[in-house]
Amino acid sequence: MPETIDAERSASANPGVISLNIKSKSALHAVYMPYLKNGGIFVPTNKCYSIGDEVFLLLSLMDEPDKLAIAGAVAWLTPAGAQNGKTQGIGVHFRDDEAGQLAKKKILDMLGTYSASRPTHTI
């Protein structure tokens, strides 16, 4: 897992809560999923999920003081041992609600015209 991304599945009573800390623009580029209708985030994890599982993200973006609380559903799975050494994890599709729209807007604003030649964790 890249050192600029920290993901942790909560050990609390709700195993669908995931905390994700994005520390750089390049890390954000690597995990953002713009091709999902409402936007989404790839979460590096070795925990077992299925397509459609509901999850709740607590997302910290670089220097933003507040975490974004976003509900979503698993829309992508990258299993262990995936082709080309892709990182194991899940893609979470944001819900089409106020929190999901805010997260998508903040991420797009942060990325702006940023373009990296590095591949992302998904495509």
C-alpha atoms as a PDB file:
ATOM      1  CA  MET A   1       0.000   0.000   0.000  1.00  0.00           C
ATOM      2  CA  PRO A   2       1.445   3.399  -0.929  1.00  0.00           C
ATOM      3  CA  GLU A   3       2.729   5.403   2.011  1.00  0.00           C
ATOM      4  CA  THR A   4       0.524   8.355   1.093  1.00  0.00           C
ATOM      5  CA  ILE A   5      -2.703   6.383   1.628  1.00  0.00           C
ATOM      6  CA  ASP A   6      -3.824   4.944   4.932  1.00  0.00           C
ATOM      7  CA  ALA A   7      -6.919   2.751   5.016  1.00  0.00           C
ATOM      8  CA  GLU A   8      -8.334   1.133   8.093  1.00  0.00           C
ATOM      9  CA  ARG A   9     -11.513  -0.844   8.500  1.00  0.00           C
ATOM     10  CA  SER A  10     -13.067  -0.047  11.826  1.00  0.00           C
ATOM     11  CA  ALA A  11     -12.958  -2.759  14.454  1.00  0.00           C
ATOM     12  CA  SER A  12     -16.156  -1.357  15.939  1.00  0.00           C
ATOM     13  CA  ALA A  13     -19.583  -2.973  15.855  1.00  0.00           C
ATOM     14  CA  ASN A  14     -20.036  -1.679  12.303  1.00  0.00           C
ATOM     15  CA  PRO A  15     -17.496  -3.420  10.060  1.00  0.00           C
ATOM     16  CA  GLY A  16     -18.671  -1.375   7.046  1.00  0.00           C
ATOM     17  CA  VAL A  17     -16.957   1.788   8.357  1.00  0.00           C
ATOM     18  CA  ILE A  18     -13.670   2.574   6.604  1.00  0.00           C
ATOM     19  CA  SER A  19     -11.287   5.401   7.413  1.00  0.00           C
ATOM     20  CA  LEU A  20      -9.149   6.573   4.494  1.00  0.00           C
ATOM     21  CA  ASN A  21      -6.443   9.232   4.696  1.00  0.00           C
ATOM     22  CA  ILE A  22      -5.210  10.687   1.385  1.00  0.00           C
ATOM     23  CA  LYS A  23      -2.000  12.651   1.955  1.00  0.00           C
ATOM     24  CA  SER A  24      -1.036  13.860  -1.532  1.00  0.00           C
ATOM     25  CA  LYS A  25      -2.458  14.868  -4.892  1.00  0.00           C
ATOM     26  CA  SER A  26      -0.727  11.932  -6.577  1.00  0.00           C
ATOM     27  CA  ALA A  27      -2.296   9.516  -4.083  1.00  0.00           C
ATOM     28  CA  LEU A  28      -5.720  11.102  -4.670  1.00  0.00           C
ATOM     29  CA  HIS A  29      -5.261  10.722  -8.425  1.00  0.00           C
ATOM     30  CA  ALA A  30      -4.355   7.050  -7.926  1.00  0.00           C
ATOM     31  CA  VAL A  31      -7.528   6.230  -5.966  1.00  0.00           C
ATOM     32  CA  TYR A  32     -10.207   8.510  -7.429  1.00  0.00           C
ATOM     33  CA  MET A  33     -12.680   6.738  -9.750  1.00  0.00           C
ATOM     34  CA  PRO A  34     -14.080   9.470 -12.072  1.00  0.00           C
ATOM     35  CA  TYR A  35     -15.774   7.011 -14.416  1.00  0.00           C
ATOM     36  CA  LEU A  36     -18.369   6.132 -11.749  1.00  0.00           C
ATOM     37  CA  LYS A  37     -21.490   8.274 -12.196  1.00  0.00           C
ATOM     38  CA  ASN A  38     -21.318   9.812  -8.710  1.00  0.00           C
ATOM     39  CA  GLY A  39     -17.564   9.481  -8.346  1.00  0.00           C
ATOM     40  CA  GLY A  40     -15.827   6.984  -6.137  1.00  0.00           C
ATOM     41  CA  ILE A  41     -12.675   6.016  -4.308  1.00  0.00           C
ATOM     42  CA  PHE A  42     -10.493   2.932  -4.415  1.00  0.00           C
ATOM     43  CA  VAL A  43      -9.726   1.702  -0.902  1.00  0.00           C
ATOM     44  CA  PRO A  44      -6.672  -0.532  -0.477  1.00  0.00           C
ATOM     45  CA  THR A  45      -7.757  -3.357   1.831  1.00  0.00           C
ATOM     46  CA  ASN A  46      -7.327  -7.084   2.304  1.00  0.00           C
ATOM     47  CA  LYS A  47     -10.737  -7.407   3.992  1.00  0.00           C
ATOM     48  CA  CYS A  48     -13.469  -9.376   2.223  1.00  0.00           C
ATOM     49  CA  TYR A  49     -16.263  -7.430   0.540  1.00  0.00           C
ATOM     50  CA  SER A  50     -18.762  -8.219  -2.196  1.00  0.00           C
ATOM     51  CA  ILE A  51     -20.120  -6.053  -4.995  1.00  0.00           C
ATOM     52  CA  GLY A  52     -23.048  -4.063  -3.622  1.00  0.00           C
ATOM     53  CA  ASP A  53     -21.925  -4.121   0.029  1.00  0.00           C
ATOM     54  CA  GLU A  54     -22.842  -0.859   1.738  1.00  0.00           C
ATOM     55  CA  VAL A  55     -19.894   0.951   3.309  1.00  0.00           C
ATOM     56  CA  PHE A  56     -19.380   4.240   5.092  1.00  0.00           C
ATOM     57  CA  LEU A  57     -16.178   6.177   4.415  1.00  0.00           C
ATOM     58  CA  LEU A  58     -14.501   8.657   6.709  1.00  0.00           C
ATOM     59  CA  LEU A  59     -12.287  10.390   4.163  1.00  0.00           C
ATOM     60  CA  SER A  60      -9.437  12.755   5.053  1.00  0.00           C
ATOM     61  CA  LEU A  61      -8.131  14.746   2.092  1.00  0.00           C
ATOM     62  CA  MET A  62      -4.625  16.161   2.368  1.00  0.00           C
ATOM     63  CA  ASP A  63      -4.676  19.353   4.465  1.00  0.00           C
ATOM     64  CA  GLU A  64      -8.459  19.568   4.916  1.00  0.00           C
ATOM     65  CA  PRO A  65      -9.224  19.893   8.641  1.00  0.00           C
ATOM     66  CA  ASP A  66     -12.508  17.956   8.522  1.00  0.00           C
ATOM     67  CA  LYS A  67     -13.160  14.389   7.451  1.00  0.00           C
ATOM     68  CA  LEU A  68     -15.813  13.752   4.829  1.00  0.00           C
ATOM     69  CA  ALA A  69     -18.437  11.207   5.878  1.00  0.00           C
ATOM     70  CA  ILE A  70     -19.626   9.432   2.729  1.00  0.00           C
ATOM     71  CA  ALA A  71     -21.995   6.515   2.269  1.00  0.00           C
ATOM     72  CA  GLY A  72     -21.466   4.289  -0.731  1.00  0.00           C
ATOM     73  CA  ALA A  73     -21.517   0.816  -2.160  1.00  0.00           C
ATOM     74  CA  VAL A  74     -18.767  -1.501  -3.324  1.00  0.00           C
ATOM     75  CA  ALA A  75     -18.640  -1.288  -7.131  1.00  0.00           C
ATOM     76  CA  TRP A  76     -15.148  -2.694  -7.814  1.00  0.00           C
ATOM     77  CA  LEU A  77     -13.063  -5.531  -6.419  1.00  0.00           C
ATOM     78  CA  THR A  78      -9.363  -6.063  -6.972  1.00  0.00           C
ATOM     79  CA  PRO A  79      -8.441  -9.437  -5.491  1.00  0.00           C
ATOM     80  CA  ALA A  80      -5.116 -10.464  -4.037  1.00  0.00           C
ATOM     81  CA  GLY A  81      -2.692 -11.464  -6.775  1.00  0.00           C
ATOM     82  CA  ALA A  82      -4.390  -9.342  -9.442  1.00  0.00           C
ATOM     83  CA  GLN A  83      -2.725  -8.847 -12.826  1.00  0.00           C
ATOM     84  CA  ASN A  84       0.117  -6.358 -13.179  1.00  0.00           C
ATOM     85  CA  GLY A  85       0.656  -6.226  -9.420  1.00  0.00           C
ATOM     86  CA  LYS A  86      -2.485  -4.123  -8.819  1.00  0.00           C
ATOM     87  CA  THR A  87      -3.131  -3.321  -5.163  1.00  0.00           C
ATOM     88  CA  GLN A  88      -5.805  -5.436  -3.491  1.00  0.00           C
ATOM     89  CA  GLY A  89      -8.896  -3.463  -2.492  1.00  0.00           C
ATOM     90  CA  ILE A  90     -12.363  -2.192  -3.292  1.00  0.00           C
ATOM     91  CA  GLY A  91     -13.852   0.648  -5.285  1.00  0.00           C
ATOM     92  CA  VAL A  92     -16.573   2.506  -3.419  1.00  0.00           C
ATOM     93  CA  HIS A  93     -19.195   4.307  -5.529  1.00  0.00           C
ATOM     94  CA  PHE A  94     -20.454   7.422  -3.747  1.00  0.00           C
ATOM     95  CA  ARG A  95     -24.194   7.750  -3.238  1.00  0.00           C
ATOM     96  CA  ASP A  96     -26.062  10.429  -5.160  1.00  0.00           C
ATOM     97  CA  ASP A  97     -26.716  12.460  -2.026  1.00  0.00           C
ATOM     98  CA  GLU A  98     -25.367  15.699  -0.567  1.00  0.00           C
ATOM     99  CA  ALA A  99     -22.316  14.051   1.025  1.00  0.00           C
ATOM    100  CA  GLY A 100     -21.436  12.135  -2.137  1.00  0.00           C
ATOM    101  CA  GLN A 101     -21.798  15.228  -4.318  1.00  0.00           C
ATOM    102  CA  LEU A 102     -19.681  17.290  -1.909  1.00  0.00           C
ATOM    103  CA  ALA A 103     -16.946  14.635  -1.870  1.00  0.00           C
ATOM    104  CA  LYS A 104     -16.899  14.431  -5.670  1.00  0.00           C
ATOM    105  CA  LYS A 105     -16.722  18.234  -5.994  1.00  0.00           C
ATOM    106  CA  LYS A 106     -13.911  18.560  -3.408  1.00  0.00           C
ATOM    107  CA  ILE A 107     -11.893  15.817  -5.078  1.00  0.00           C
ATOM    108  CA  LEU A 108     -12.346  17.273  -8.566  1.00  0.00           C
ATOM    109  CA  ASP A 109     -11.430  20.738  -7.265  1.00  0.00           C
ATOM    110  CA  MET A 110      -8.285  19.331  -5.600  1.00  0.00           C
ATOM    111  CA  LEU A 111      -7.238  17.398  -8.685  1.00  0.00           C
ATOM    112  CA  GLY A 112      -8.028  20.286 -11.037  1.00  0.00           C
ATOM    113  CA  THR A 113      -6.024  19.722 -14.191  1.00  0.00           C
ATOM    114  CA  TYR A 114      -3.594  17.381 -12.422  1.00  0.00           C
ATOM    115  CA  SER A 115      -2.431  14.679 -14.764  1.00  0.00           C
ATOM    116  CA  ALA A 116      -0.079  11.909 -13.873  1.00  0.00           C
ATOM    117  CA  SER A 117       1.582   9.415 -16.145  1.00  0.00           C
ATOM    118  CA  ARG A 118       1.375   6.812 -13.392  1.00  0.00           C
ATOM    119  CA  PRO A 119      -1.448   4.284 -13.634  1.00  0.00           C
ATOM    120  CA  THR A 120      -4.190   4.350 -11.041  1.00  0.00           C
ATOM    121  CA  HIS A 121      -5.169   1.503  -8.737  1.00  0.00           C
ATOM    122  CA  THR A 122      -8.115   0.629 -10.950  1.00  0.00           C
ATOM    123  CA  ILE A 123      -7.548   1.298 -14.650  1.00  0.00           C
END
